[in-house]
Structure formats: structure tokens, C-alpha cells
Amino acid sequence: MRAQLKEFVSYIEKREQVKPIIYTGLSFYNDYLKGYFDNYPLWIAHYHQPKLKVNEATKWFFWQHSDKARISGINHAVDFNVFKGDSTTFSQMLIK
């Protein structure tokens, strides 16, 4: 699986000229990705916890905190995500 993921992210990186963000659950990251994809930004799902429980060196930018958030104007639950950074950092991650 890691070989296939490496091939996929390399393909995306070459084609789009941008490093893709890897979305993963915390357990899956700890069991299979940690130490192998440290060059890539991460979007980690880790629900209903007061803190994302990863090593400080982990290169995460998004934390999917919940899948049960409520937003005014939307009549169903939505995902709640936290971005680790400011508006400048977020702008630098956008594909232009």
C-alpha cells in the first residue's frame, strides 16, 4: 500500500506541480504512514478529542475534529476541521 501511495502522490506532484495533502485517520497514520510520508502535509481525522494526539514534529495542517458540526443555513451535520496556520499559510497551500 505504501508503494502504491508513493507512486500516486509522486504522480500528482509531478502533474500538478504541488505537493498533495494526504488525508488519513490517526490510527491509520500511526500504523502505516508515520515515518514514510513525512515530506507531505497531512489532514488527519481524529474525532471528538480536545487535542490532536500526534508528535509535535508531525507535519499536519488540517485536523478533522468532528463529523457532527452544525452550521447556520445547512440542515444536516457537517465535518468540522481545524487549520494549523494563519491566512498567509493557507493561501500558500492553494493551487493556483
PDB file of N, CA and C in Angstrom:
ATOM      1  N   MET A   1       0.811  -1.180   0.000  1.00  0.00           N
ATOM      2  CA  MET A   1       0.000   0.000   0.000  1.00  0.00           C
ATOM      3  C   MET A   1       0.865   1.258   0.000  1.00  0.00           C
ATOM      4  N   ARG A   2       1.928   1.273   0.789  1.00  0.00           N
ATOM      5  CA  ARG A   2       2.799   2.451   0.816  1.00  0.00           C
ATOM      6  C   ARG A   2       3.449   2.694  -0.541  1.00  0.00           C
ATOM      7  N   ALA A   3       3.832   1.614  -1.235  1.00  0.00           N
ATOM      8  CA  ALA A   3       4.430   1.766  -2.565  1.00  0.00           C
ATOM      9  C   ALA A   3       3.424   2.381  -3.535  1.00  0.00           C
ATOM     10  N   GLN A   4       2.175   1.931  -3.455  1.00  0.00           N
ATOM     11  CA  GLN A   4       1.140   2.479  -4.331  1.00  0.00           C
ATOM     12  C   GLN A   4       0.843   3.933  -3.985  1.00  0.00           C
ATOM     13  N   LEU A   5       0.799   4.256  -2.703  1.00  0.00           N
ATOM     14  CA  LEU A   5       0.561   5.637  -2.293  1.00  0.00           C
ATOM     15  C   LEU A   5       1.710   6.522  -2.746  1.00  0.00           C
ATOM     16  N   LYS A   6       2.932   6.058  -2.602  1.00  0.00           N
ATOM     17  CA  LYS A   6       4.094   6.827  -3.039  1.00  0.00           C
ATOM     18  C   LYS A   6       4.021   7.097  -4.540  1.00  0.00           C
ATOM     19  N   GLU A   7       3.654   6.071  -5.308  1.00  0.00           N
ATOM     20  CA  GLU A   7       3.512   6.233  -6.758  1.00  0.00           C
ATOM     21  C   GLU A   7       2.420   7.268  -7.073  1.00  0.00           C
ATOM     22  N   PHE A   8       1.307   7.189  -6.362  1.00  0.00           N
ATOM     23  CA  PHE A   8       0.194   8.102  -6.596  1.00  0.00           C
ATOM     24  C   PHE A   8       0.574   9.546  -6.261  1.00  0.00           C
ATOM     25  N   VAL A   9       1.132   9.787  -5.068  1.00  0.00           N
ATOM     26  CA  VAL A   9       1.462  11.166  -4.685  1.00  0.00           C
ATOM     27  C   VAL A   9       2.577  11.720  -5.571  1.00  0.00           C
ATOM     28  N   SER A  10       3.495  10.872  -6.010  1.00  0.00           N
ATOM     29  CA  SER A  10       4.547  11.322  -6.935  1.00  0.00           C
ATOM     30  C   SER A  10       3.943  11.741  -8.270  1.00  0.00           C
ATOM     31  N   TYR A  11       2.968  10.973  -8.744  1.00  0.00           N
ATOM     32  CA  TYR A  11       2.279  11.298  -9.995  1.00  0.00           C
ATOM     33  C   TYR A  11       1.553  12.645  -9.874  1.00  0.00           C
ATOM     34  N   ILE A  12       0.812  12.825  -8.792  1.00  0.00           N
ATOM     35  CA  ILE A  12       0.081  14.085  -8.578  1.00  0.00           C
ATOM     36  C   ILE A  12       1.046  15.254  -8.470  1.00  0.00           C
ATOM     37  N   GLU A  13       2.111  15.055  -7.730  1.00  0.00           N
ATOM     38  CA  GLU A  13       3.106  16.117  -7.542  1.00  0.00           C
ATOM     39  C   GLU A  13       3.722  16.528  -8.873  1.00  0.00           C
ATOM     40  N   LYS A  14       4.070  15.556  -9.691  1.00  0.00           N
ATOM     41  CA  LYS A  14       4.669  15.844 -10.993  1.00  0.00           C
ATOM     42  C   LYS A  14       3.660  16.521 -11.917  1.00  0.00           C
ATOM     43  N   ARG A  15       2.452  15.993 -11.942  1.00  0.00           N
ATOM     44  CA  ARG A  15       1.429  16.516 -12.858  1.00  0.00           C
ATOM     45  C   ARG A  15       0.965  17.914 -12.471  1.00  0.00           C
ATOM     46  N   GLU A  16       0.719  18.143 -11.178  1.00  0.00           N
ATOM     47  CA  GLU A  16       0.134  19.407 -10.719  1.00  0.00           C
ATOM     48  C   GLU A  16       1.165  20.412 -10.203  1.00  0.00           C
ATOM     49  N   GLN A  17       2.415  19.966 -10.081  1.00  0.00           N
ATOM     50  CA  GLN A  17       3.478  20.842  -9.572  1.00  0.00           C
ATOM     51  C   GLN A  17       3.168  21.367  -8.168  1.00  0.00           C
ATOM     52  N   VAL A  18       2.564  20.494  -7.370  1.00  0.00           N
ATOM     53  CA  VAL A  18       2.247  20.840  -5.987  1.00  0.00           C
ATOM     54  C   VAL A  18       2.278  19.551  -5.167  1.00  0.00           C
ATOM     55  N   LYS A  19       2.692  19.679  -3.933  1.00  0.00           N
ATOM     56  CA  LYS A  19       2.725  18.526  -3.036  1.00  0.00           C
ATOM     57  C   LYS A  19       1.302  18.253  -2.551  1.00  0.00           C
ATOM     58  N   PRO A  20       0.762  17.060  -2.800  1.00  0.00           N
ATOM     59  CA  PRO A  20      -0.607  16.777  -2.356  1.00  0.00           C
ATOM     60  C   PRO A  20      -0.685  16.610  -0.839  1.00  0.00           C
ATOM     61  N   ILE A  21      -1.855  16.900  -0.315  1.00  0.00           N
ATOM     62  CA  ILE A  21      -2.136  16.695   1.098  1.00  0.00           C
ATOM     63  C   ILE A  21      -2.645  15.266   1.256  1.00  0.00           C
ATOM     64  N   ILE A  22      -2.114  14.548   2.213  1.00  0.00           N
ATOM     65  CA  ILE A  22      -2.565  13.183   2.476  1.00  0.00           C
ATOM     66  C   ILE A  22      -3.597  13.222   3.602  1.00  0.00           C
ATOM     67  N   TYR A  23      -4.798  12.716   3.297  1.00  0.00           N
ATOM     68  CA  TYR A  23      -5.872  12.631   4.280  1.00  0.00           C
ATOM     69  C   TYR A  23      -5.840  11.227   4.894  1.00  0.00           C
ATOM     70  N   THR A  24      -5.881  11.166   6.217  1.00  0.00           N
ATOM     71  CA  THR A  24      -5.797   9.880   6.904  1.00  0.00           C
ATOM     72  C   THR A  24      -6.443   9.955   8.277  1.00  0.00           C
ATOM     73  N   GLY A  25      -6.893   8.833   8.764  1.00  0.00           N
ATOM     74  CA  GLY A  25      -7.292   8.741  10.155  1.00  0.00           C
ATOM     75  C   GLY A  25      -6.054   8.629  11.025  1.00  0.00           C
ATOM     76  N   LEU A  26      -6.158   9.007  12.274  1.00  0.00           N
ATOM     77  CA  LEU A  26      -4.998   8.985  13.163  1.00  0.00           C
ATOM     78  C   LEU A  26      -4.435   7.579  13.329  1.00  0.00           C
ATOM     79  N   SER A  27      -5.277   6.592  13.545  1.00  0.00           N
ATOM     80  CA  SER A  27      -4.798   5.214  13.724  1.00  0.00           C
ATOM     81  C   SER A  27      -4.086   4.716  12.476  1.00  0.00           C
ATOM     82  N   PHE A  28      -4.659   4.979  11.311  1.00  0.00           N
ATOM     83  CA  PHE A  28      -4.052   4.543  10.054  1.00  0.00           C
ATOM     84  C   PHE A  28      -2.697   5.222   9.861  1.00  0.00           C
ATOM     85  N   TYR A  29      -2.642   6.516  10.177  1.00  0.00           N
ATOM     86  CA  TYR A  29      -1.370   7.240  10.079  1.00  0.00           C
ATOM     87  C   TYR A  29      -0.319   6.585  10.984  1.00  0.00           C
ATOM     88  N   ASN A  30      -0.678   6.361  12.235  1.00  0.00           N
ATOM     89  CA  ASN A  30       0.279   5.775  13.186  1.00  0.00           C
ATOM     90  C   ASN A  30       0.712   4.372  12.776  1.00  0.00           C
ATOM     91  N   ASP A  31      -0.213   3.580  12.245  1.00  0.00           N
ATOM     92  CA  ASP A  31       0.089   2.191  11.893  1.00  0.00           C
ATOM     93  C   ASP A  31       0.830   2.027  10.563  1.00  0.00           C
ATOM     94  N   TYR A  32       0.549   2.888   9.590  1.00  0.00           N
ATOM     95  CA  TYR A  32       1.047   2.630   8.241  1.00  0.00           C
ATOM     96  C   TYR A  32       1.820   3.771   7.559  1.00  0.00           C
ATOM     97  N   LEU A  33       1.578   5.020   7.946  1.00  0.00           N
ATOM     98  CA  LEU A  33       2.184   6.135   7.208  1.00  0.00           C
ATOM     99  C   LEU A  33       3.313   6.845   7.949  1.00  0.00           C
ATOM    100  N   LYS A  34       3.242   6.839   9.252  1.00  0.00           N
ATOM    101  CA  LYS A  34       4.217   7.569  10.077  1.00  0.00           C
ATOM    102  C   LYS A  34       5.633   7.109   9.734  1.00  0.00           C
ATOM    103  N   GLY A  35       6.473   8.086   9.424  1.00  0.00           N
ATOM    104  CA  GLY A  35       7.861   7.790   9.088  1.00  0.00           C
ATOM    105  C   GLY A  35       8.093   7.525   7.609  1.00  0.00           C
ATOM    106  N   TYR A  36       7.029   7.391   6.830  1.00  0.00           N
ATOM    107  CA  TYR A  36       7.173   7.099   5.399  1.00  0.00           C
ATOM    108  C   TYR A  36       6.781   8.268   4.505  1.00  0.00           C
ATOM    109  N   PHE A  37       5.899   9.124   4.975  1.00  0.00           N
ATOM    110  CA  PHE A  37       5.411  10.237   4.159  1.00  0.00           C
ATOM    111  C   PHE A  37       5.556  11.556   4.906  1.00  0.00           C
ATOM    112  N   ASP A  38       6.669  11.696   5.610  1.00  0.00           N
ATOM    113  CA  ASP A  38       6.888  12.875   6.442  1.00  0.00           C
ATOM    114  C   ASP A  38       7.102  14.154   5.640  1.00  0.00           C
ATOM    115  N   ASN A  39       7.355  14.032   4.335  1.00  0.00           N
ATOM    116  CA  ASN A  39       7.542  15.216   3.486  1.00  0.00           C
ATOM    117  C   ASN A  39       6.221  15.824   3.043  1.00  0.00           C
ATOM    118  N   TYR A  40       5.116  15.129   3.297  1.00  0.00           N
ATOM    119  CA  TYR A  40       3.824  15.574   2.791  1.00  0.00           C
ATOM    120  C   TYR A  40       2.982  16.178   3.901  1.00  0.00           C
ATOM    121  N   PRO A  41       2.230  17.247   3.563  1.00  0.00           N
ATOM    122  CA  PRO A  41       1.306  17.792   4.550  1.00  0.00           C
ATOM    123  C   PRO A  41       0.180  16.794   4.804  1.00  0.00           C
ATOM    124  N   LEU A  42      -0.306  16.788   6.031  1.00  0.00           N
ATOM    125  CA  LEU A  42      -1.331  15.822   6.427  1.00  0.00           C
ATOM    126  C   LEU A  42      -2.638  16.502   6.822  1.00  0.00           C
ATOM    127  N   TRP A  43      -3.722  15.810   6.534  1.00  0.00           N
ATOM    128  CA  TRP A  43      -5.063  16.153   7.008  1.00  0.00           C
ATOM    129  C   TRP A  43      -5.497  14.929   7.794  1.00  0.00           C
ATOM    130  N   ILE A  44      -5.543  15.071   9.112  1.00  0.00           N
ATOM    131  CA  ILE A  44      -5.761  13.914   9.987  1.00  0.00           C
ATOM    132  C   ILE A  44      -7.152  13.964  10.631  1.00  0.00           C
ATOM    133  N   ALA A  45      -7.899  12.883  10.464  1.00  0.00           N
ATOM    134  CA  ALA A  45      -9.185  12.737  11.142  1.00  0.00           C
ATOM    135  C   ALA A  45      -8.935  12.117  12.513  1.00  0.00           C
ATOM    136  N   HIS A  46      -9.397  12.813  13.521  1.00  0.00           N
ATOM    137  CA  HIS A  46      -9.263  12.340  14.910  1.00  0.00           C
ATOM    138  C   HIS A  46     -10.415  12.985  15.672  1.00  0.00           C
ATOM    139  N   TYR A  47     -11.535  12.271  15.713  1.00  0.00           N
ATOM    140  CA  TYR A  47     -12.803  12.845  16.160  1.00  0.00           C
ATOM    141  C   TYR A  47     -12.941  12.973  17.671  1.00  0.00           C
ATOM    142  N   HIS A  48     -13.621  14.064  18.025  1.00  0.00           N
ATOM    143  CA  HIS A  48     -14.142  14.292  19.367  1.00  0.00           C
ATOM    144  C   HIS A  48     -13.074  14.213  20.457  1.00  0.00           C
ATOM    145  N   GLN A  49     -11.902  14.755  20.169  1.00  0.00           N
ATOM    146  CA  GLN A  49     -10.812  14.806  21.133  1.00  0.00           C
ATOM    147  C   GLN A  49     -10.455  16.278  21.375  1.00  0.00           C
ATOM    148  N   PRO A  50     -10.055  16.630  22.575  1.00  0.00           N
ATOM    149  CA  PRO A  50      -9.708  18.029  22.843  1.00  0.00           C
ATOM    150  C   PRO A  50      -8.402  18.456  22.176  1.00  0.00           C
ATOM    151  N   LYS A  51      -7.602  17.484  21.748  1.00  0.00           N
ATOM    152  CA  LYS A  51      -6.299  17.791  21.148  1.00  0.00           C
ATOM    153  C   LYS A  51      -5.967  16.687  20.151  1.00  0.00           C
ATOM    154  N   LEU A  52      -5.298  17.069  19.077  1.00  0.00           N
ATOM    155  CA  LEU A  52      -4.820  16.076  18.112  1.00  0.00           C
ATOM    156  C   LEU A  52      -3.584  15.420  18.719  1.00  0.00           C
ATOM    157  N   LYS A  53      -3.663  14.136  18.935  1.00  0.00           N
ATOM    158  CA  LYS A  53      -2.614  13.418  19.666  1.00  0.00           C
ATOM    159  C   LYS A  53      -1.550  12.873  18.708  1.00  0.00           C
ATOM    160  N   VAL A  54      -0.673  13.784  18.246  1.00  0.00           N
ATOM    161  CA  VAL A  54       0.448  13.415  17.385  1.00  0.00           C
ATOM    162  C   VAL A  54       1.711  14.073  17.919  1.00  0.00           C
ATOM    163  N   ASN A  55       2.832  13.552  17.501  1.00  0.00           N
ATOM    164  CA  ASN A  55       4.120  14.124  17.853  1.00  0.00           C
ATOM    165  C   ASN A  55       4.205  15.544  17.293  1.00  0.00           C
ATOM    166  N   GLU A  56       4.859  16.421  18.001  1.00  0.00           N
ATOM    167  CA  GLU A  56       4.970  17.823  17.563  1.00  0.00           C
ATOM    168  C   GLU A  56       5.661  17.962  16.213  1.00  0.00           C
ATOM    169  N   ALA A  57       6.475  16.991  15.845  1.00  0.00           N
ATOM    170  CA  ALA A  57       7.177  17.043  14.563  1.00  0.00           C
ATOM    171  C   ALA A  57       6.280  16.645  13.385  1.00  0.00           C
ATOM    172  N   THR A  58       5.102  16.095  13.667  1.00  0.00           N
ATOM    173  CA  THR A  58       4.188  15.665  12.606  1.00  0.00           C
ATOM    174  C   THR A  58       3.737  16.880  11.806  1.00  0.00           C
ATOM    175  N   LYS A  59       3.820  16.775  10.497  1.00  0.00           N
ATOM    176  CA  LYS A  59       3.550  17.897   9.588  1.00  0.00           C
ATOM    177  C   LYS A  59       2.063  17.944   9.202  1.00  0.00           C
ATOM    178  N   TRP A  60       1.202  18.135  10.211  1.00  0.00           N
ATOM    179  CA  TRP A  60      -0.221  18.237   9.899  1.00  0.00           C
ATOM    180  C   TRP A  60      -0.621  19.687   9.698  1.00  0.00           C
ATOM    181  N   PHE A  61      -1.569  19.880   8.790  1.00  0.00           N
ATOM    182  CA  PHE A  61      -2.100  21.218   8.541  1.00  0.00           C
ATOM    183  C   PHE A  61      -3.600  21.278   8.816  1.00  0.00           C
ATOM    184  N   PHE A  62      -4.287  20.133   8.656  1.00  0.00           N
ATOM    185  CA  PHE A  62      -5.721  20.079   8.901  1.00  0.00           C
ATOM    186  C   PHE A  62      -6.017  18.956   9.879  1.00  0.00           C
ATOM    187  N   TRP A  63      -6.929  19.234  10.784  1.00  0.00           N
ATOM    188  CA  TRP A  63      -7.387  18.238  11.757  1.00  0.00           C
ATOM    189  C   TRP A  63      -8.902  18.173  11.637  1.00  0.00           C
ATOM    190  N   GLN A  64      -9.404  17.044  11.181  1.00  0.00           N
ATOM    191  CA  GLN A  64     -10.843  16.841  11.123  1.00  0.00           C
ATOM    192  C   GLN A  64     -11.278  16.414  12.515  1.00  0.00           C
ATOM    193  N   HIS A  65     -11.817  17.358  13.236  1.00  0.00           N
ATOM    194  CA  HIS A  65     -12.132  17.213  14.657  1.00  0.00           C
ATOM    195  C   HIS A  65     -13.456  16.495  14.887  1.00  0.00           C
ATOM    196  N   SER A  66     -14.403  16.673  13.956  1.00  0.00           N
ATOM    197  CA  SER A  66     -15.736  16.115  14.156  1.00  0.00           C
ATOM    198  C   SER A  66     -16.440  15.934  12.817  1.00  0.00           C
ATOM    199  N   ASP A  67     -17.403  15.049  12.805  1.00  0.00           N
ATOM    200  CA  ASP A  67     -18.269  14.905  11.629  1.00  0.00           C
ATOM    201  C   ASP A  67     -19.703  15.283  11.994  1.00  0.00           C
ATOM    202  N   LYS A  68     -19.854  16.005  13.098  1.00  0.00           N
ATOM    203  CA  LYS A  68     -21.182  16.342  13.597  1.00  0.00           C
ATOM    204  C   LYS A  68     -21.357  17.831  13.886  1.00  0.00           C
ATOM    205  N   ALA A  69     -20.660  18.694  13.173  1.00  0.00           N
ATOM    206  CA  ALA A  69     -20.787  20.133  13.394  1.00  0.00           C
ATOM    207  C   ALA A  69     -22.083  20.654  12.787  1.00  0.00           C
ATOM    208  N   ARG A  70     -22.572  21.726  13.339  1.00  0.00           N
ATOM    209  CA  ARG A  70     -23.779  22.374  12.821  1.00  0.00           C
ATOM    210  C   ARG A  70     -23.411  23.779  12.354  1.00  0.00           C
ATOM    211  N   ILE A  71     -23.851  24.106  11.149  1.00  0.00           N
ATOM    212  CA  ILE A  71     -23.571  25.408  10.551  1.00  0.00           C
ATOM    213  C   ILE A  71     -24.903  26.049  10.185  1.00  0.00           C
ATOM    214  N   SER A  72     -25.065  27.300  10.544  1.00  0.00           N
ATOM    215  CA  SER A  72     -26.292  28.027  10.211  1.00  0.00           C
ATOM    216  C   SER A  72     -26.515  27.995   8.702  1.00  0.00           C
ATOM    217  N   GLY A  73     -27.724  27.611   8.293  1.00  0.00           N
ATOM    218  CA  GLY A  73     -28.071  27.558   6.877  1.00  0.00           C
ATOM    219  C   GLY A  73     -27.902  26.187   6.252  1.00  0.00           C
ATOM    220  N   ILE A  74     -27.275  25.260   6.966  1.00  0.00           N
ATOM    221  CA  ILE A  74     -27.122  23.883   6.472  1.00  0.00           C
ATOM    222  C   ILE A  74     -27.936  22.987   7.388  1.00  0.00           C
ATOM    223  N   ASN A  75     -28.842  22.217   6.810  1.00  0.00           N
ATOM    224  CA  ASN A  75     -29.806  21.455   7.606  1.00  0.00           C
ATOM    225  C   ASN A  75     -29.343  20.065   8.014  1.00  0.00           C
ATOM    226  N   HIS A  76     -28.052  19.796   7.931  1.00  0.00           N
ATOM    227  CA  HIS A  76     -27.541  18.495   8.364  1.00  0.00           C
ATOM    228  C   HIS A  76     -26.141  18.690   8.955  1.00  0.00           C
ATOM    229  N   ALA A  77     -25.678  17.676   9.633  1.00  0.00           N
ATOM    230  CA  ALA A  77     -24.345  17.741  10.247  1.00  0.00           C
ATOM    231  C   ALA A  77     -23.271  17.802   9.164  1.00  0.00           C
ATOM    232  N   VAL A  78     -22.196  18.515   9.447  1.00  0.00           N
ATOM    233  CA  VAL A  78     -21.068  18.640   8.525  1.00  0.00           C
ATOM    234  C   VAL A  78     -19.773  18.351   9.271  1.00  0.00           C
ATOM    235  N   ASP A  79     -18.712  18.155   8.522  1.00  0.00           N
ATOM    236  CA  ASP A  79     -17.393  17.960   9.131  1.00  0.00           C
ATOM    237  C   ASP A  79     -16.899  19.275   9.719  1.00  0.00           C
ATOM    238  N   PHE A  80     -16.171  19.176  10.814  1.00  0.00           N
ATOM    239  CA  PHE A  80     -15.544  20.334  11.449  1.00  0.00           C
ATOM    240  C   PHE A  80     -14.037  20.123  11.378  1.00  0.00           C
ATOM    241  N   ASN A  81     -13.345  21.048  10.734  1.00  0.00           N
ATOM    242  CA  ASN A  81     -11.907  20.934  10.536  1.00  0.00           C
ATOM    243  C   ASN A  81     -11.191  22.136  11.137  1.00  0.00           C
ATOM    244  N   VAL A  82     -10.001  21.891  11.617  1.00  0.00           N
ATOM    245  CA  VAL A  82      -9.141  22.932  12.176  1.00  0.00           C
ATOM    246  C   VAL A  82      -7.938  23.067  11.248  1.00  0.00           C
ATOM    247  N   PHE A  83      -7.565  24.315  10.929  1.00  0.00           N
ATOM    248  CA  PHE A  83      -6.370  24.565  10.134  1.00  0.00           C
ATOM    249  C   PHE A  83      -5.271  25.054  11.057  1.00  0.00           C
ATOM    250  N   LYS A  84      -4.090  24.453  10.943  1.00  0.00           N
ATOM    251  CA  LYS A  84      -2.946  24.837  11.775  1.00  0.00           C
ATOM    252  C   LYS A  84      -2.129  25.861  10.991  1.00  0.00           C
ATOM    253  N   GLY A  85      -2.443  27.104  11.194  1.00  0.00           N
ATOM    254  CA  GLY A  85      -1.728  28.157  10.484  1.00  0.00           C
ATOM    255  C   GLY A  85      -2.590  29.397  10.387  1.00  0.00           C
ATOM    256  N   ASP A  86      -2.060  30.385   9.687  1.00  0.00           N
ATOM    257  CA  ASP A  86      -2.783  31.636   9.502  1.00  0.00           C
ATOM    258  C   ASP A  86      -3.229  31.759   8.047  1.00  0.00           C
ATOM    259  N   SER A  87      -3.843  32.877   7.701  1.00  0.00           N
ATOM    260  CA  SER A  87      -4.378  33.054   6.349  1.00  0.00           C
ATOM    261  C   SER A  87      -3.274  33.062   5.295  1.00  0.00           C
ATOM    262  N   THR A  88      -2.103  33.543   5.639  1.00  0.00           N
ATOM    263  CA  THR A  88      -0.986  33.538   4.689  1.00  0.00           C
ATOM    264  C   THR A  88      -0.542  32.105   4.394  1.00  0.00           C
ATOM    265  N   THR A  89      -0.403  31.307   5.430  1.00  0.00           N
ATOM    266  CA  THR A  89      -0.028  29.897   5.252  1.00  0.00           C
ATOM    267  C   THR A  89      -1.077  29.169   4.420  1.00  0.00           C
ATOM    268  N   PHE A  90      -2.357  29.451   4.699  1.00  0.00           N
ATOM    269  CA  PHE A  90      -3.437  28.815   3.943  1.00  0.00           C
ATOM    270  C   PHE A  90      -3.362  29.224   2.472  1.00  0.00           C
ATOM    271  N   SER A  91      -3.153  30.485   2.196  1.00  0.00           N
ATOM    272  CA  SER A  91      -3.059  30.979   0.816  1.00  0.00           C
ATOM    273  C   SER A  91      -1.908  30.309   0.065  1.00  0.00           C
ATOM    274  N   GLN A  92      -0.802  30.046   0.759  1.00  0.00           N
ATOM    275  CA  GLN A  92       0.352  29.424   0.123  1.00  0.00           C
ATOM    276  C   GLN A  92       0.073  27.970  -0.258  1.00  0.00           C
ATOM    277  N   MET A  93      -0.918  27.370   0.363  1.00  0.00           N
ATOM    278  CA  MET A  93      -1.251  25.965   0.072  1.00  0.00           C
ATOM    279  C   MET A  93      -2.211  25.840  -1.112  1.00  0.00           C
ATOM    280  N   LEU A  94      -2.827  26.940  -1.516  1.00  0.00           N
ATOM    281  CA  LEU A  94      -3.801  26.889  -2.604  1.00  0.00           C
ATOM    282  C   LEU A  94      -3.129  26.579  -3.928  1.00  0.00           C
ATOM    283  N   ILE A  95      -3.804  25.795  -4.749  1.00  0.00           N
ATOM    284  CA  ILE A  95      -3.320  25.515  -6.100  1.00  0.00           C
ATOM    285  C   ILE A  95      -3.759  26.683  -6.974  1.00  0.00           C
ATOM    286  N   LYS A  96      -2.809  27.253  -7.649  1.00  0.00           N
ATOM    287  CA  LYS A  96      -3.118  28.434  -8.481  1.00  0.00           C
ATOM    288  C   LYS A  96      -3.125  28.096  -9.933  1.00  0.00           C
TER     289      LYS A  96
END
